[in-house]
Amino acid sequence: HNRLLEGFISSIEEADLMGKREEGIRVVLSGIVWEPPEIMDILDESGLKVVGDDLCVGWRYIDAD
């Protein structure tokens, strides 16, 4: 996972150099909500635009007929 994260960070830095950061890099988040929650602040400060998420927060809708 660290190698994937390093590659992701490199692509963000490249986009910043090419001026794409102003537009915002669109991402979809998936998985569990991670700790520490400050990671969300880091994503926000990096200029990413979260266009969707599929984060598991431990709650499911149960349809009872």
PDB file of N, CA and C in Angstrom:
ATOM      1  N   HIS A   1       0.806  -1.189   0.000  1.00  0.00           N
ATOM      2  CA  HIS A   1       0.000   0.000   0.000  1.00  0.00           C
ATOM      3  C   HIS A   1       0.856   1.263   0.000  1.00  0.00           C
ATOM      4  N   ASN A   2       1.997   1.173   0.657  1.00  0.00           N
ATOM      5  CA  ASN A   2       2.859   2.353   0.690  1.00  0.00           C
ATOM      6  C   ASN A   2       3.349   2.735  -0.702  1.00  0.00           C
ATOM      7  N   ARG A   3       3.669   1.732  -1.531  1.00  0.00           N
ATOM      8  CA  ARG A   3       4.109   2.037  -2.893  1.00  0.00           C
ATOM      9  C   ARG A   3       2.990   2.697  -3.691  1.00  0.00           C
ATOM     10  N   LEU A   4       1.768   2.223  -3.518  1.00  0.00           N
ATOM     11  CA  LEU A   4       0.632   2.843  -4.209  1.00  0.00           C
ATOM     12  C   LEU A   4       0.445   4.281  -3.753  1.00  0.00           C
ATOM     13  N   LEU A   5       0.566   4.505  -2.450  1.00  0.00           N
ATOM     14  CA  LEU A   5       0.409   5.855  -1.907  1.00  0.00           C
ATOM     15  C   LEU A   5       1.511   6.775  -2.422  1.00  0.00           C
ATOM     16  N   GLU A   6       2.741   6.271  -2.488  1.00  0.00           N
ATOM     17  CA  GLU A   6       3.843   7.077  -3.011  1.00  0.00           C
ATOM     18  C   GLU A   6       3.585   7.464  -4.466  1.00  0.00           C
ATOM     19  N   GLY A   7       3.070   6.524  -5.259  1.00  0.00           N
ATOM     20  CA  GLY A   7       2.739   6.829  -6.645  1.00  0.00           C
ATOM     21  C   GLY A   7       1.627   7.855  -6.757  1.00  0.00           C
ATOM     22  N   PHE A   8       0.646   7.745  -5.874  1.00  0.00           N
ATOM     23  CA  PHE A   8      -0.468   8.692  -5.866  1.00  0.00           C
ATOM     24  C   PHE A   8       0.027  10.093  -5.523  1.00  0.00           C
ATOM     25  N   ILE A   9       0.888  10.185  -4.516  1.00  0.00           N
ATOM     26  CA  ILE A   9       1.433  11.486  -4.120  1.00  0.00           C
ATOM     27  C   ILE A   9       2.250  12.080  -5.263  1.00  0.00           C
ATOM     28  N   SER A  10       3.023  11.246  -5.955  1.00  0.00           N
ATOM     29  CA  SER A  10       3.802  11.726  -7.103  1.00  0.00           C
ATOM     30  C   SER A  10       2.899  12.282  -8.195  1.00  0.00           C
ATOM     31  N   SER A  11       1.779  11.605  -8.451  1.00  0.00           N
ATOM     32  CA  SER A  11       0.868  12.085  -9.496  1.00  0.00           C
ATOM     33  C   SER A  11       0.222  13.406  -9.102  1.00  0.00           C
ATOM     34  N   ILE A  12      -0.042  13.590  -7.809  1.00  0.00           N
ATOM     35  CA  ILE A  12      -0.589  14.868  -7.348  1.00  0.00           C
ATOM     36  C   ILE A  12       0.437  15.974  -7.556  1.00  0.00           C
ATOM     37  N   GLU A  13       1.696  15.687  -7.221  1.00  0.00           N
ATOM     38  CA  GLU A  13       2.746  16.687  -7.397  1.00  0.00           C
ATOM     39  C   GLU A  13       2.937  17.023  -8.869  1.00  0.00           C
ATOM     40  N   GLU A  14       2.871  16.027  -9.758  1.00  0.00           N
ATOM     41  CA  GLU A  14       2.975  16.273 -11.196  1.00  0.00           C
ATOM     42  C   GLU A  14       1.824  17.138 -11.683  1.00  0.00           C
ATOM     43  N   ALA A  15       0.635  16.855 -11.223  1.00  0.00           N
ATOM     44  CA  ALA A  15      -0.535  17.641 -11.631  1.00  0.00           C
ATOM     45  C   ALA A  15      -0.384  19.082 -11.179  1.00  0.00           C
ATOM     46  N   ASP A  16       0.206  19.278 -10.008  1.00  0.00           N
ATOM     47  CA  ASP A  16       0.429  20.630  -9.502  1.00  0.00           C
ATOM     48  C   ASP A  16       1.402  21.366 -10.419  1.00  0.00           C
ATOM     49  N   LEU A  17       2.441  20.673 -10.881  1.00  0.00           N
ATOM     50  CA  LEU A  17       3.417  21.292 -11.769  1.00  0.00           C
ATOM     51  C   LEU A  17       2.805  21.627 -13.121  1.00  0.00           C
ATOM     52  N   MET A  18       1.821  20.860 -13.574  1.00  0.00           N
ATOM     53  CA  MET A  18       1.186  21.098 -14.867  1.00  0.00           C
ATOM     54  C   MET A  18      -0.003  22.051 -14.756  1.00  0.00           C
ATOM     55  N   GLY A  19      -0.256  22.583 -13.569  1.00  0.00           N
ATOM     56  CA  GLY A  19      -1.336  23.545 -13.404  1.00  0.00           C
ATOM     57  C   GLY A  19      -2.708  22.935 -13.251  1.00  0.00           C
ATOM     58  N   LYS A  20      -2.802  21.621 -13.137  1.00  0.00           N
ATOM     59  CA  LYS A  20      -4.106  20.979 -13.021  1.00  0.00           C
ATOM     60  C   LYS A  20      -4.666  21.065 -11.613  1.00  0.00           C
ATOM     61  N   ARG A  21      -3.832  21.410 -10.671  1.00  0.00           N
ATOM     62  CA  ARG A  21      -4.300  21.434  -9.287  1.00  0.00           C
ATOM     63  C   ARG A  21      -5.388  22.481  -9.089  1.00  0.00           C
ATOM     64  N   GLU A  22      -5.329  23.572  -9.844  1.00  0.00           N
ATOM     65  CA  GLU A  22      -6.349  24.609  -9.703  1.00  0.00           C
ATOM     66  C   GLU A  22      -7.733  24.054 -10.015  1.00  0.00           C
ATOM     67  N   GLU A  23      -7.804  23.156 -10.983  1.00  0.00           N
ATOM     68  CA  GLU A  23      -9.076  22.535 -11.334  1.00  0.00           C
ATOM     69  C   GLU A  23      -9.502  21.539 -10.271  1.00  0.00           C
ATOM     70  N   GLY A  24      -8.547  20.939  -9.624  1.00  0.00           N
ATOM     71  CA  GLY A  24      -8.826  19.918  -8.626  1.00  0.00           C
ATOM     72  C   GLY A  24      -8.802  18.539  -9.245  1.00  0.00           C
ATOM     73  N   ILE A  25      -8.098  17.641  -8.609  1.00  0.00           N
ATOM     74  CA  ILE A  25      -8.030  16.265  -9.073  1.00  0.00           C
ATOM     75  C   ILE A  25      -9.219  15.526  -8.487  1.00  0.00           C
ATOM     76  N   ARG A  26     -10.022  14.925  -9.353  1.00  0.00           N
ATOM     77  CA  ARG A  26     -11.244  14.241  -8.917  1.00  0.00           C
ATOM     78  C   ARG A  26     -10.918  12.829  -8.453  1.00  0.00           C
ATOM     79  N   VAL A  27     -11.416  12.475  -7.262  1.00  0.00           N
ATOM     80  CA  VAL A  27     -11.190  11.135  -6.713  1.00  0.00           C
ATOM     81  C   VAL A  27     -12.484  10.589  -6.124  1.00  0.00           C
ATOM     82  N   VAL A  28     -12.545   9.271  -6.048  1.00  0.00           N
ATOM     83  CA  VAL A  28     -13.628   8.576  -5.355  1.00  0.00           C
ATOM     84  C   VAL A  28     -12.979   7.801  -4.217  1.00  0.00           C
ATOM     85  N   LEU A  29     -13.479   7.986  -3.003  1.00  0.00           N
ATOM     86  CA  LEU A  29     -12.943   7.290  -1.838  1.00  0.00           C
ATOM     87  C   LEU A  29     -13.752   6.034  -1.579  1.00  0.00           C
ATOM     88  N   SER A  30     -13.060   4.956  -1.232  1.00  0.00           N
ATOM     89  CA  SER A  30     -13.726   3.699  -0.946  1.00  0.00           C
ATOM     90  C   SER A  30     -12.979   2.984   0.162  1.00  0.00           C
ATOM     91  N   GLY A  31     -13.713   2.269   0.992  1.00  0.00           N
ATOM     92  CA  GLY A  31     -13.088   1.509   2.071  1.00  0.00           C
ATOM     93  C   GLY A  31     -13.687   1.872   3.411  1.00  0.00           C
ATOM     94  N   ILE A  32     -12.852   1.770   4.436  1.00  0.00           N
ATOM     95  CA  ILE A  32     -13.315   2.111   5.779  1.00  0.00           C
ATOM     96  C   ILE A  32     -12.889   3.535   6.112  1.00  0.00           C
ATOM     97  N   VAL A  33     -13.563   4.135   7.058  1.00  0.00           N
ATOM     98  CA  VAL A  33     -13.147   5.451   7.542  1.00  0.00           C
ATOM     99  C   VAL A  33     -11.881   5.238   8.355  1.00  0.00           C
ATOM    100  N   TRP A  34     -10.844   5.977   8.037  1.00  0.00           N
ATOM    101  CA  TRP A  34      -9.542   5.720   8.634  1.00  0.00           C
ATOM    102  C   TRP A  34      -9.273   6.633   9.819  1.00  0.00           C
ATOM    103  N   GLU A  35      -8.300   6.226  10.583  1.00  0.00           N
ATOM    104  CA  GLU A  35      -7.802   7.014  11.703  1.00  0.00           C
ATOM    105  C   GLU A  35      -6.387   7.450  11.355  1.00  0.00           C
ATOM    106  N   PRO A  36      -5.983   8.609  11.717  1.00  0.00           N
ATOM    107  CA  PRO A  36      -6.706   9.683  12.368  1.00  0.00           C
ATOM    108  C   PRO A  36      -7.565  10.436  11.361  1.00  0.00           C
ATOM    109  N   PRO A  37      -8.618  11.068  11.829  1.00  0.00           N
ATOM    110  CA  PRO A  37      -9.512  11.785  10.913  1.00  0.00           C
ATOM    111  C   PRO A  37      -8.851  12.984  10.231  1.00  0.00           C
ATOM    112  N   GLU A  38      -7.704  13.408  10.717  1.00  0.00           N
ATOM    113  CA  GLU A  38      -7.003  14.535  10.090  1.00  0.00           C
ATOM    114  C   GLU A  38      -6.563  14.208   8.661  1.00  0.00           C
ATOM    115  N   ILE A  39      -6.590  12.926   8.304  1.00  0.00           N
ATOM    116  CA  ILE A  39      -6.257  12.550   6.922  1.00  0.00           C
ATOM    117  C   ILE A  39      -7.222  13.238   5.960  1.00  0.00           C
ATOM    118  N   MET A  40      -8.468  13.400   6.366  1.00  0.00           N
ATOM    119  CA  MET A  40      -9.443  14.113   5.525  1.00  0.00           C
ATOM    120  C   MET A  40      -8.993  15.551   5.288  1.00  0.00           C
ATOM    121  N   ASP A  41      -8.433  16.193   6.315  1.00  0.00           N
ATOM    122  CA  ASP A  41      -7.930  17.561   6.165  1.00  0.00           C
ATOM    123  C   ASP A  41      -6.775  17.606   5.169  1.00  0.00           C
ATOM    124  N   ILE A  42      -5.899  16.601   5.228  1.00  0.00           N
ATOM    125  CA  ILE A  42      -4.765  16.540   4.302  1.00  0.00           C
ATOM    126  C   ILE A  42      -5.268  16.427   2.866  1.00  0.00           C
ATOM    127  N   LEU A  43      -6.274  15.584   2.641  1.00  0.00           N
ATOM    128  CA  LEU A  43      -6.843  15.452   1.298  1.00  0.00           C
ATOM    129  C   LEU A  43      -7.445  16.770   0.833  1.00  0.00           C
ATOM    130  N   ASP A  44      -8.133  17.455   1.730  1.00  0.00           N
ATOM    131  CA  ASP A  44      -8.764  18.725   1.396  1.00  0.00           C
ATOM    132  C   ASP A  44      -7.714  19.781   1.052  1.00  0.00           C
ATOM    133  N   GLU A  45      -6.668  19.863   1.855  1.00  0.00           N
ATOM    134  CA  GLU A  45      -5.619  20.857   1.634  1.00  0.00           C
ATOM    135  C   GLU A  45      -4.819  20.577   0.369  1.00  0.00           C
ATOM    136  N   SER A  46      -4.789  19.317  -0.067  1.00  0.00           N
ATOM    137  CA  SER A  46      -4.019  18.965  -1.257  1.00  0.00           C
ATOM    138  C   SER A  46      -4.719  19.378  -2.548  1.00  0.00           C
ATOM    139  N   GLY A  47      -5.967  19.820  -2.448  1.00  0.00           N
ATOM    140  CA  GLY A  47      -6.686  20.271  -3.630  1.00  0.00           C
ATOM    141  C   GLY A  47      -7.503  19.199  -4.312  1.00  0.00           C
ATOM    142  N   LEU A  48      -7.632  18.043  -3.686  1.00  0.00           N
ATOM    143  CA  LEU A  48      -8.442  16.980  -4.274  1.00  0.00           C
ATOM    144  C   LEU A  48      -9.919  17.329  -4.189  1.00  0.00           C
ATOM    145  N   LYS A  49     -10.674  16.886  -5.172  1.00  0.00           N
ATOM    146  CA  LYS A  49     -12.127  17.049  -5.145  1.00  0.00           C
ATOM    147  C   LYS A  49     -12.737  15.666  -5.044  1.00  0.00           C
ATOM    148  N   VAL A  50     -13.338  15.379  -3.909  1.00  0.00           N
ATOM    149  CA  VAL A  50     -13.984  14.087  -3.713  1.00  0.00           C
ATOM    150  C   VAL A  50     -15.334  14.147  -4.418  1.00  0.00           C
ATOM    151  N   VAL A  51     -15.481  13.348  -5.469  1.00  0.00           N
ATOM    152  CA  VAL A  51     -16.708  13.366  -6.258  1.00  0.00           C
ATOM    153  C   VAL A  51     -17.654  12.239  -5.866  1.00  0.00           C
ATOM    154  N   GLY A  52     -17.194  11.364  -4.990  1.00  0.00           N
ATOM    155  CA  GLY A  52     -18.043  10.278  -4.510  1.00  0.00           C
ATOM    156  C   GLY A  52     -17.313   9.487  -3.451  1.00  0.00           C
ATOM    157  N   ASP A  53     -18.088   8.761  -2.663  1.00  0.00           N
ATOM    158  CA  ASP A  53     -17.445   7.897  -1.682  1.00  0.00           C
ATOM    159  C   ASP A  53     -18.297   6.667  -1.425  1.00  0.00           C
ATOM    160  N   ASP A  54     -17.625   5.651  -1.015  1.00  0.00           N
ATOM    161  CA  ASP A  54     -18.251   4.390  -0.651  1.00  0.00           C
ATOM    162  C   ASP A  54     -17.612   3.940   0.664  1.00  0.00           C
ATOM    163  N   LEU A  55     -17.601   4.853   1.627  1.00  0.00           N
ATOM    164  CA  LEU A  55     -16.934   4.587   2.895  1.00  0.00           C
ATOM    165  C   LEU A  55     -17.858   3.827   3.836  1.00  0.00           C
ATOM    166  N   CYS A  56     -17.314   2.800   4.437  1.00  0.00           N
ATOM    167  CA  CYS A  56     -18.062   2.003   5.409  1.00  0.00           C
ATOM    168  C   CYS A  56     -17.964   2.692   6.767  1.00  0.00           C
ATOM    169  N   VAL A  57     -19.094   3.071   7.293  1.00  0.00           N
ATOM    170  CA  VAL A  57     -19.096   3.740   8.595  1.00  0.00           C
ATOM    171  C   VAL A  57     -19.738   2.872   9.670  1.00  0.00           C
ATOM    172  N   GLY A  58     -19.991   1.606   9.353  1.00  0.00           N
ATOM    173  CA  GLY A  58     -20.518   0.675  10.348  1.00  0.00           C
ATOM    174  C   GLY A  58     -22.023   0.706  10.520  1.00  0.00           C
ATOM    175  N   TRP A  59     -22.741   1.318   9.586  1.00  0.00           N
ATOM    176  CA  TRP A  59     -24.194   1.386   9.678  1.00  0.00           C
ATOM    177  C   TRP A  59     -24.767   0.852   8.380  1.00  0.00           C
ATOM    178  N   ARG A  60     -25.768   0.013   8.484  1.00  0.00           N
ATOM    179  CA  ARG A  60     -26.440  -0.515   7.294  1.00  0.00           C
ATOM    180  C   ARG A  60     -27.940  -0.327   7.452  1.00  0.00           C
ATOM    181  N   TYR A  61     -28.568  -0.036   6.349  1.00  0.00           N
ATOM    182  CA  TYR A  61     -30.015   0.091   6.337  1.00  0.00           C
ATOM    183  C   TYR A  61     -30.605  -1.305   6.253  1.00  0.00           C
ATOM    184  N   ILE A  62     -31.441  -1.644   7.179  1.00  0.00           N
ATOM    185  CA  ILE A  62     -32.094  -2.951   7.175  1.00  0.00           C
ATOM    186  C   ILE A  62     -33.566  -2.731   6.869  1.00  0.00           C
ATOM    187  N   ASP A  63     -34.020  -3.311   5.776  1.00  0.00           N
ATOM    188  CA  ASP A  63     -35.406  -3.166   5.362  1.00  0.00           C
ATOM    189  C   ASP A  63     -36.220  -4.290   5.998  1.00  0.00           C
ATOM    190  N   ALA A  64     -37.083  -3.934   6.923  1.00  0.00           N
ATOM    191  CA  ALA A  64     -37.924  -4.936   7.594  1.00  0.00           C
ATOM    192  C   ALA A  64     -39.356  -4.775   7.108  1.00  0.00           C
ATOM    193  N   ASP A  65     -39.850  -5.774   6.407  1.00  0.00           N
ATOM    194  CA  ASP A  65     -41.226  -5.724   5.904  1.00  0.00           C
ATOM    195  C   ASP A  65     -42.194  -6.184   6.956  1.00  0.00           C
TER     196      ASP A  65
END
